[in-house]
Protein backbone atom coordinates (compact mmCIF):
# COMPACT_ATOMS: atom_id res chain seq x y z
CA MET A 1 -29.30 48.51 -35.17
CA TYR A 2 -26.65 46.27 -36.71
CA VAL A 3 -24.49 46.42 -33.59
CA GLU A 4 -27.47 45.70 -31.34
CA HIS A 5 -28.43 42.77 -33.54
CA ARG A 6 -24.91 41.30 -33.29
CA ILE A 7 -24.92 41.68 -29.51
CA LEU A 8 -28.30 39.97 -29.19
CA HIS A 9 -27.17 37.19 -31.51
CA ALA A 10 -23.99 36.61 -29.48
CA LEU A 11 -26.01 36.61 -26.25
CA PHE A 12 -28.43 34.07 -27.71
CA ASP A 13 -25.55 31.81 -28.79
CA PHE A 14 -24.01 32.06 -25.32
CA LEU A 15 -27.26 31.17 -23.54
CA TYR A 16 -28.03 28.38 -26.00
CA THR A 17 -24.67 26.65 -25.50
CA ARG A 18 -25.07 26.90 -21.74
CA LEU A 19 -28.57 25.44 -21.97
CA ILE A 20 -27.30 22.53 -24.06
CA ALA A 21 -24.58 21.90 -21.46
CA VAL A 22 -27.12 21.86 -18.63
CA VAL A 23 -29.39 19.47 -20.51
CA TYR A 24 -26.42 17.15 -21.20
CA ILE A 25 -25.41 17.13 -17.53
CA VAL A 26 -28.98 16.42 -16.38
CA ASN A 27 -29.35 13.58 -18.90
CA ASN A 28 -26.01 12.02 -17.92
CA VAL A 29 -25.92 12.62 -14.16
CA ASP A 30 -27.25 9.12 -13.43
CA SER A 31 -24.57 7.58 -15.65
CA PHE A 32 -21.89 9.70 -13.95
CA PHE A 33 -22.87 8.63 -10.44
CA TYR A 34 -23.22 5.02 -11.56
CA CYS A 35 -19.64 5.03 -12.87
CA LEU A 36 -18.44 6.73 -9.69
CA MET A 37 -20.14 4.16 -7.45
CA LYS A 38 -18.91 1.31 -9.65
CA LYS A 39 -15.32 2.55 -9.35
CA LYS A 40 -15.60 2.88 -5.57
CA LEU A 41 -17.06 -0.63 -5.31
CA SER A 42 -14.18 -2.19 -7.25
CA GLU A 43 -11.68 -0.25 -5.12
CA ASP A 44 -13.35 -1.42 -1.90
CA VAL A 45 -13.26 -5.03 -3.13
CA ARG A 46 -9.61 -4.59 -4.16
CA ASP A 47 -8.70 -3.33 -0.67
CA GLN A 48 -10.47 -6.25 1.01
CA ILE A 49 -8.76 -8.83 -1.21
CA GLU A 50 -5.40 -7.14 -0.55
CA GLU A 51 -5.99 -7.40 3.20
CA LEU A 52 -6.80 -11.10 2.87
CA ILE A 53 -3.54 -11.58 0.96
CA ALA A 54 -1.53 -9.54 3.48
CA PHE A 55 -2.86 -11.50 6.46
CA GLY A 56 -2.37 -14.91 4.86
CA LYS A 57 -6.05 -15.72 4.31
CA LEU A 58 -5.28 -15.92 0.60
CA PRO A 59 -1.74 -17.37 0.48
CA PRO A 60 0.77 -17.14 -2.39
CA GLY A 61 -0.25 -19.39 -5.29
CA GLU A 62 -3.92 -19.51 -4.23
CA HIS A 63 -6.36 -19.58 -7.15
CA LEU A 64 -8.78 -16.63 -7.07
CA ASP A 65 -12.12 -17.78 -8.44
CA GLU A 66 -14.22 -14.82 -9.56
CA THR A 67 -17.53 -16.53 -8.75
CA GLU A 68 -16.43 -17.53 -5.24
CA LEU A 69 -15.11 -14.03 -4.54
CA ALA A 70 -18.32 -12.46 -5.86
CA ASP A 71 -20.36 -14.64 -3.47
CA ARG A 72 -17.96 -13.88 -0.63
CA PHE A 73 -18.29 -10.10 -1.01
CA GLY A 74 -21.89 -10.05 -2.18
CA VAL A 75 -21.18 -8.32 -5.50
CA SER A 76 -21.29 -9.20 -9.19
CA ARG A 77 -18.26 -10.56 -11.03
CA THR A 78 -17.59 -7.21 -12.75
CA PRO A 79 -16.11 -5.39 -9.70
CA ILE A 80 -14.23 -8.59 -8.81
CA ARG A 81 -12.65 -8.69 -12.26
CA GLU A 82 -11.75 -4.98 -12.05
CA ALA A 83 -10.28 -5.45 -8.57
CA LEU A 84 -8.15 -8.39 -9.72
CA ASN A 85 -6.86 -6.36 -12.68
CA GLN A 86 -5.86 -3.56 -10.29
CA LEU A 87 -4.11 -6.02 -7.98
CA ALA A 88 -2.32 -7.55 -10.96
CA THR A 89 -1.08 -4.10 -11.94
CA ALA A 90 0.24 -3.66 -8.39
CA GLY A 91 2.03 -7.04 -8.60
CA LEU A 92 -0.05 -8.70 -5.88
CA VAL A 93 -1.91 -11.00 -8.25
CA GLU A 94 -0.84 -12.85 -11.40
CA LEU A 95 -3.24 -13.34 -14.33
CA ARG A 96 -2.42 -16.63 -16.00
CA ALA A 97 -3.76 -18.05 -19.24
CA ARG A 98 -6.32 -20.87 -18.70
CA ARG A 99 -5.86 -20.67 -14.94
CA GLY A 100 -7.14 -17.18 -14.26
CA ALA A 101 -5.95 -15.12 -11.30
CA VAL A 102 -3.67 -16.44 -8.57
CA VAL A 103 -2.02 -14.74 -5.61
CA ALA A 104 1.53 -13.78 -6.61
CA GLN A 105 4.26 -15.95 -5.17
CA PHE A 106 8.01 -15.46 -5.24
CA THR A 107 11.05 -17.70 -5.11
CA ALA A 108 13.59 -17.28 -2.33
CA GLN A 109 15.92 -15.54 -4.80
CA GLN A 110 13.18 -13.12 -5.86
CA LEU A 111 12.43 -12.30 -2.23
CA VAL A 112 16.09 -11.54 -1.55
CA GLU A 113 16.20 -9.23 -4.56
CA MET A 114 12.95 -7.47 -3.65
CA PHE A 115 13.99 -6.92 -0.03
CA GLU A 116 17.33 -5.64 -1.28
CA VAL A 117 15.59 -2.98 -3.37
CA MET A 118 13.20 -2.29 -0.50
CA GLY A 119 16.21 -1.61 1.72
CA GLU A 120 17.53 0.95 -0.76
CA PHE A 121 14.14 2.67 -0.97
CA GLU A 122 13.86 2.78 2.82
CA GLY A 123 17.39 4.08 3.24
CA MET A 124 16.85 6.83 0.68
CA CYS A 125 13.59 7.86 2.35
CA GLY A 126 15.34 8.02 5.72
CA ARG A 127 18.25 10.04 4.35
CA LEU A 128 15.91 12.60 2.76
CA ALA A 129 13.60 12.66 5.78
CA ALA A 130 16.57 13.53 8.04
CA ARG A 131 17.00 16.69 5.95
CA ARG A 132 13.40 17.52 5.09
CA LEU A 133 11.15 16.42 7.95
CA THR A 134 9.04 19.34 9.23
CA ASP A 135 8.55 20.01 12.96
CA GLU A 136 5.04 18.58 12.71
CA GLU A 137 6.30 15.46 10.94
CA GLN A 138 9.01 15.01 13.55
CA GLN A 139 6.33 15.01 16.24
CA GLU A 140 4.28 12.50 14.23
CA LEU A 141 7.32 10.22 13.89
CA VAL A 142 7.92 10.27 17.65
CA ALA A 143 4.21 9.71 18.37
CA THR A 144 4.03 6.73 16.01
CA HIS A 145 7.15 5.25 17.58
CA GLU A 146 5.49 5.58 20.99
CA GLU A 147 2.44 3.73 19.63
CA CYS A 148 4.70 0.88 18.57
CA LYS A 149 6.21 0.82 22.08
CA ALA A 150 2.72 0.73 23.63
CA ALA A 151 1.75 -2.21 21.42
CA MET A 152 4.87 -4.04 22.56
CA ALA A 153 4.10 -3.28 26.21
CA LYS A 154 0.61 -4.76 25.80
CA GLY A 155 2.03 -8.10 24.74
CA GLY A 156 3.42 -7.51 21.28
CA ASP A 157 0.56 -8.81 19.12
CA PRO A 158 2.22 -9.31 15.69
CA ASP A 159 -0.78 -8.10 13.68
CA GLU A 160 -1.23 -4.93 15.73
CA TYR A 161 2.48 -4.18 15.63
CA TYR A 162 2.53 -4.89 11.89
CA GLN A 163 -0.06 -2.19 11.23
CA LEU A 164 1.68 0.33 13.47
CA ASN A 165 4.98 -0.55 11.82
CA ASP A 166 3.47 0.35 8.44
CA LYS A 167 2.31 3.65 9.93
CA PHE A 168 5.82 4.35 11.28
CA HIS A 169 7.48 3.76 7.92
CA GLY A 170 4.75 5.77 6.19
CA VAL A 171 5.74 8.85 8.20
CA ILE A 172 9.33 8.45 6.98
CA TYR A 173 8.16 8.01 3.37
CA ARG A 174 6.11 11.21 3.51
CA GLY A 175 8.96 12.96 5.29
CA SER A 176 11.18 12.39 2.26
CA HIS A 177 9.00 14.91 0.39
CA ASN A 178 9.65 12.97 -2.81
CA GLU A 179 6.34 11.80 -4.26
CA PHE A 180 7.88 9.48 -6.84
CA LEU A 181 10.11 7.76 -4.29
CA MET A 182 7.20 7.43 -1.86
CA GLU A 183 5.01 5.86 -4.56
CA GLN A 184 7.68 3.31 -5.50
CA ALA A 185 8.43 2.46 -1.86
CA TRP A 186 4.76 1.91 -1.02
CA GLY A 187 4.24 -0.18 -4.15
CA LEU A 188 7.04 -2.60 -3.28
CA ARG A 189 6.06 -2.60 0.38
CA ARG A 190 2.56 -3.69 -0.61
CA ARG A 191 3.91 -6.56 -2.72
CA LEU A 192 5.96 -7.79 0.23
CA ARG A 193 3.24 -7.44 2.86
CA PRO A 194 2.61 -11.17 3.51
CA TYR A 195 6.34 -11.82 3.88
CA ARG A 196 7.05 -8.77 6.05
CA ARG A 197 4.23 -9.81 8.33
CA LEU A 198 5.78 -13.28 8.64
CA GLN A 199 9.04 -11.72 9.81
CA LEU A 200 7.30 -10.27 12.84
CA ARG A 201 6.22 -13.76 13.90
CA VAL A 202 9.81 -14.90 14.31
CA ARG A 203 10.62 -15.11 18.03
CA GLY A 204 12.26 -11.93 19.31
CA ARG A 205 11.79 -9.98 16.08
CA ILE A 206 9.34 -7.38 17.47
CA PRO A 207 11.63 -6.23 20.35
CA THR A 208 14.55 -6.10 17.90
CA SER A 209 12.46 -4.12 15.41
CA LEU A 210 11.50 -1.67 18.16
CA ASP A 211 15.14 -1.16 19.15
CA GLU A 212 16.00 -0.50 15.50
CA HIS A 213 13.13 2.00 15.27
CA ASP A 214 14.52 3.81 18.29
CA ALA A 215 17.92 4.26 16.64
CA ILE A 216 16.29 5.33 13.36
CA VAL A 217 14.19 7.99 15.09
CA LYS A 218 17.24 9.39 16.88
CA ALA A 219 19.24 9.59 13.64
CA ILE A 220 16.45 11.31 11.72
CA LEU A 221 15.73 13.82 14.49
CA ALA A 222 19.46 14.57 14.69
CA GLY A 223 19.51 15.28 10.96
CA ASP A 224 22.03 12.49 10.40
CA GLY A 225 21.01 11.31 6.94
CA HIS A 226 23.93 8.93 6.48
CA THR A 227 23.19 7.01 9.68
CA ALA A 228 19.44 7.00 8.99
CA ASN A 229 20.12 5.56 5.55
CA GLU A 230 22.32 2.75 6.87
CA LEU A 231 19.98 1.92 9.77
CA LEU A 232 16.90 1.69 7.56
CA ARG A 233 18.69 -0.42 4.95
CA SER A 234 19.78 -2.98 7.53
CA HIS A 235 16.36 -2.78 9.23
CA VAL A 236 14.63 -4.01 6.06
CA MET A 237 17.24 -6.28 4.48
CA VAL A 238 16.87 -10.03 4.90
CA GLN A 239 20.21 -11.79 5.02
CA GLY A 240 22.00 -14.36 7.11
CA GLN A 241 19.89 -15.69 9.96
CA ARG A 242 16.98 -13.39 9.15
CA PHE A 243 16.76 -14.83 5.65
CA ALA A 244 16.88 -18.39 7.01
CA ASP A 245 14.07 -17.53 9.45
CA LEU A 246 11.97 -16.04 6.66
CA VAL A 247 12.38 -19.08 4.40
CA ALA A 248 11.60 -21.43 7.30
CA SER A 249 8.38 -19.53 8.03
CA LEU A 250 7.02 -19.53 4.45
CA PRO A 251 4.95 -22.72 4.98
CA LEU A 252 3.05 -20.84 7.70
CA LEU A 253 1.34 -18.76 5.01
CA LYS A 254 -0.54 -21.82 3.75
CA ALA A 255 -0.98 -23.29 7.21
CA ARG A 256 -2.66 -20.13 8.55
CA SER A 257 -4.95 -19.84 5.52
CA ALA A 258 -6.16 -23.40 6.07
CA ALA A 259 -6.80 -22.79 9.77
């Protein structure tokens, strides 16, 4: 009888704890889904603000008023504030005392330094991708390169090519099979989006970029990591005439946002 009593007692404890867990879940399910939806809303708002920054609709130095943004996206100020905090963490927005949030802006020297680091990230990704790219990833790289060619053949719209260019470099990042490197490369690439997009508006840059892509693809497919590294570094670096063109085009960021 004693053993049976212990078994029944243990079974009761087991069922009771499970029942308590079920009751807790039922009572908190609404709160759980509310938090989930709230998080998704702030992430959606963050992505939309980032796109506006990338395409020059919110230029560097622009003040980001929470109330205006809330009206613009049809949401409360809470997801706007959360989105701005996320963008600040990513380096796309600066939170300043008494002024609030502004779109991050960089000096010419800072841009040189950031593109220099970006070149090293790109080169490293290319060198590793030349050794580690799978057959499927090689096919994806070639296919994405062909998409860039098709965009050029249709007239070379800078915005369309810009998006395909991101896709092309993304294949190389993933092909490095180094998650940490890929995360760092994407993070810096995001911070430089408005400026990289400007580069594609310089006359003749898209055909030159496409030629450079062609050489990069050949080096990676040949497994030539050294060449892939050097080609990608020079592809991204801004120096000499390319730097002068970039600096000369910076006023276009504000001009296009006012248009």
